[in-house]
Protein backbone atom coordinates (compact mmCIF):
# COMPACT_ATOMS: atom_id res chain seq x y z
CA UNK A 1 0.00 0.00 0.00
CA UNK A 2 1.44 3.37 -1.01
CA UNK A 3 2.10 6.10 1.52
CA UNK A 4 -0.49 8.31 -0.22
CA UNK A 5 -3.14 5.59 -0.09
CA UNK A 6 -2.44 5.10 3.60
CA UNK A 7 -2.72 8.86 4.18
CA UNK A 8 -6.00 9.04 2.21
CA UNK A 9 -7.54 6.33 4.35
CA UNK A 10 -6.84 8.40 7.47
CA UNK A 11 -8.87 11.36 6.22
CA UNK A 12 -12.37 11.81 7.53
CA UNK A 13 -15.07 14.14 6.28
CA UNK A 14 -15.49 17.22 8.37
CA UNK A 15 -19.06 17.98 9.31
CA UNK A 16 -19.62 21.64 8.61
CA UNK A 17 -22.34 24.01 9.75
CA UNK A 18 -24.17 24.48 6.45
CA UNK A 19 -25.25 28.01 7.33
CA UNK A 20 -21.68 29.11 7.94
CA UNK A 21 -20.16 27.09 5.10
CA UNK A 22 -17.45 28.87 3.17
CA UNK A 23 -17.54 27.15 -0.23
CA UNK A 24 -13.91 28.03 -0.86
CA UNK A 25 -12.87 26.07 2.25
CA UNK A 26 -11.90 22.43 1.68
CA UNK A 27 -14.35 19.81 2.92
CA UNK A 28 -11.59 17.40 3.97
CA UNK A 29 -9.34 17.70 6.96
CA UNK A 30 -5.70 18.00 5.79
CA UNK A 31 -6.86 18.44 2.19
CA UNK A 32 -3.82 20.51 1.27
CA UNK A 33 -1.35 17.67 1.94
CA UNK A 34 -2.77 15.66 -0.95
CA UNK A 35 -1.00 15.99 -4.30
CA UNK A 36 -2.78 18.12 -6.92
CA UNK A 37 -3.33 15.13 -9.20
CA UNK A 38 -4.79 11.89 -7.84
CA UNK A 39 -5.01 8.40 -9.29
CA UNK A 40 -8.15 6.26 -9.28
CA UNK A 41 -6.55 4.26 -6.46
CA UNK A 42 -6.09 7.46 -4.44
CA UNK A 43 -9.73 8.42 -5.07
CA UNK A 44 -10.87 4.95 -4.08
CA UNK A 45 -9.21 5.36 -0.67
CA UNK A 46 -10.29 8.98 -0.28
CA UNK A 47 -13.95 8.65 -1.28
CA UNK A 48 -14.50 5.01 -0.28
CA UNK A 49 -15.82 4.29 -3.78
CA UNK A 50 -14.66 1.18 -5.65
CA UNK A 51 -12.08 1.83 -8.36
CA UNK A 52 -14.28 0.11 -10.98
CA UNK A 53 -17.06 2.55 -10.14
CA UNK A 54 -14.68 5.49 -10.50
CA UNK A 55 -13.63 4.25 -13.96
CA UNK A 56 -17.29 3.77 -14.88
CA UNK A 57 -17.91 7.41 -13.90
CA UNK A 58 -14.99 8.41 -16.16
CA UNK A 59 -16.42 6.43 -19.09
CA UNK A 60 -19.83 8.05 -18.62
CA UNK A 61 -18.33 11.53 -18.22
CA UNK A 62 -19.72 11.91 -14.70
CA UNK A 63 -16.54 12.83 -12.81
CA UNK A 64 -13.97 15.46 -13.81
CA UNK A 65 -10.75 13.88 -14.99
CA UNK A 66 -7.67 14.34 -17.16
CA UNK A 67 -6.59 11.69 -19.63
CA UNK A 68 -2.85 11.51 -20.29
CA UNK A 69 -2.54 8.92 -23.06
CA UNK A 70 -4.00 5.78 -21.43
CA UNK A 71 -3.68 7.14 -17.87
CA UNK A 72 -6.50 8.84 -16.01
CA UNK A 73 -5.84 11.41 -13.28
CA UNK A 74 -8.10 13.57 -11.15
CA UNK A 75 -7.49 17.13 -10.00
CA UNK A 76 -8.18 17.25 -6.27
CA UNK A 77 -9.68 20.74 -6.61
CA UNK A 78 -12.02 19.74 -9.44
CA UNK A 79 -13.10 16.61 -7.56
CA UNK A 80 -13.86 18.64 -4.42
CA UNK A 81 -15.92 21.13 -6.46
CA UNK A 82 -17.72 18.22 -8.11
CA UNK A 83 -18.55 16.76 -4.68
CA UNK A 84 -19.74 20.12 -3.34
CA UNK A 85 -22.06 20.54 -6.35
CA UNK A 86 -23.63 17.15 -5.60
CA UNK A 87 -23.88 17.57 -1.83
CA UNK A 88 -27.38 17.62 -0.38
CA UNK A 89 -28.25 21.02 1.05
CA UNK A 90 -31.32 20.77 3.31
CA UNK A 91 -33.88 23.55 3.12
CA UNK A 92 -34.40 25.81 6.11
CA UNK A 93 -37.70 25.05 7.85
CA UNK A 94 -39.19 27.85 9.94
CA UNK A 95 -41.37 26.77 12.84
CA UNK A 96 -43.56 23.73 13.39
CA UNK A 97 -46.29 24.66 10.94
CA UNK A 98 -44.10 25.21 7.89
CA UNK A 99 -45.94 24.37 4.68
CA UNK A 100 -44.76 21.47 2.62
CA UNK A 101 -44.42 21.94 -1.10
């Protein structure tokens, strides 16, 4: 197991107060220590998503990636933006009798 893979497995998502969320702030603790370009193996450890699934996302154009000849790499900044865009943001509910839509 590579040193980077070991380091990725130690990361945990930081639970943020959604009202005070600064979208420029990284969602991972120690995000900056990761290299700028990640492999599918690195993403597998970081996101806890099987590598085959990651490659399927690449084939379907669902995840941002860079293809260098036959190699696929992922920009950590683009991946974090991609995750933030897909994160569930609950609506604010005011009071007990809030109307449902």
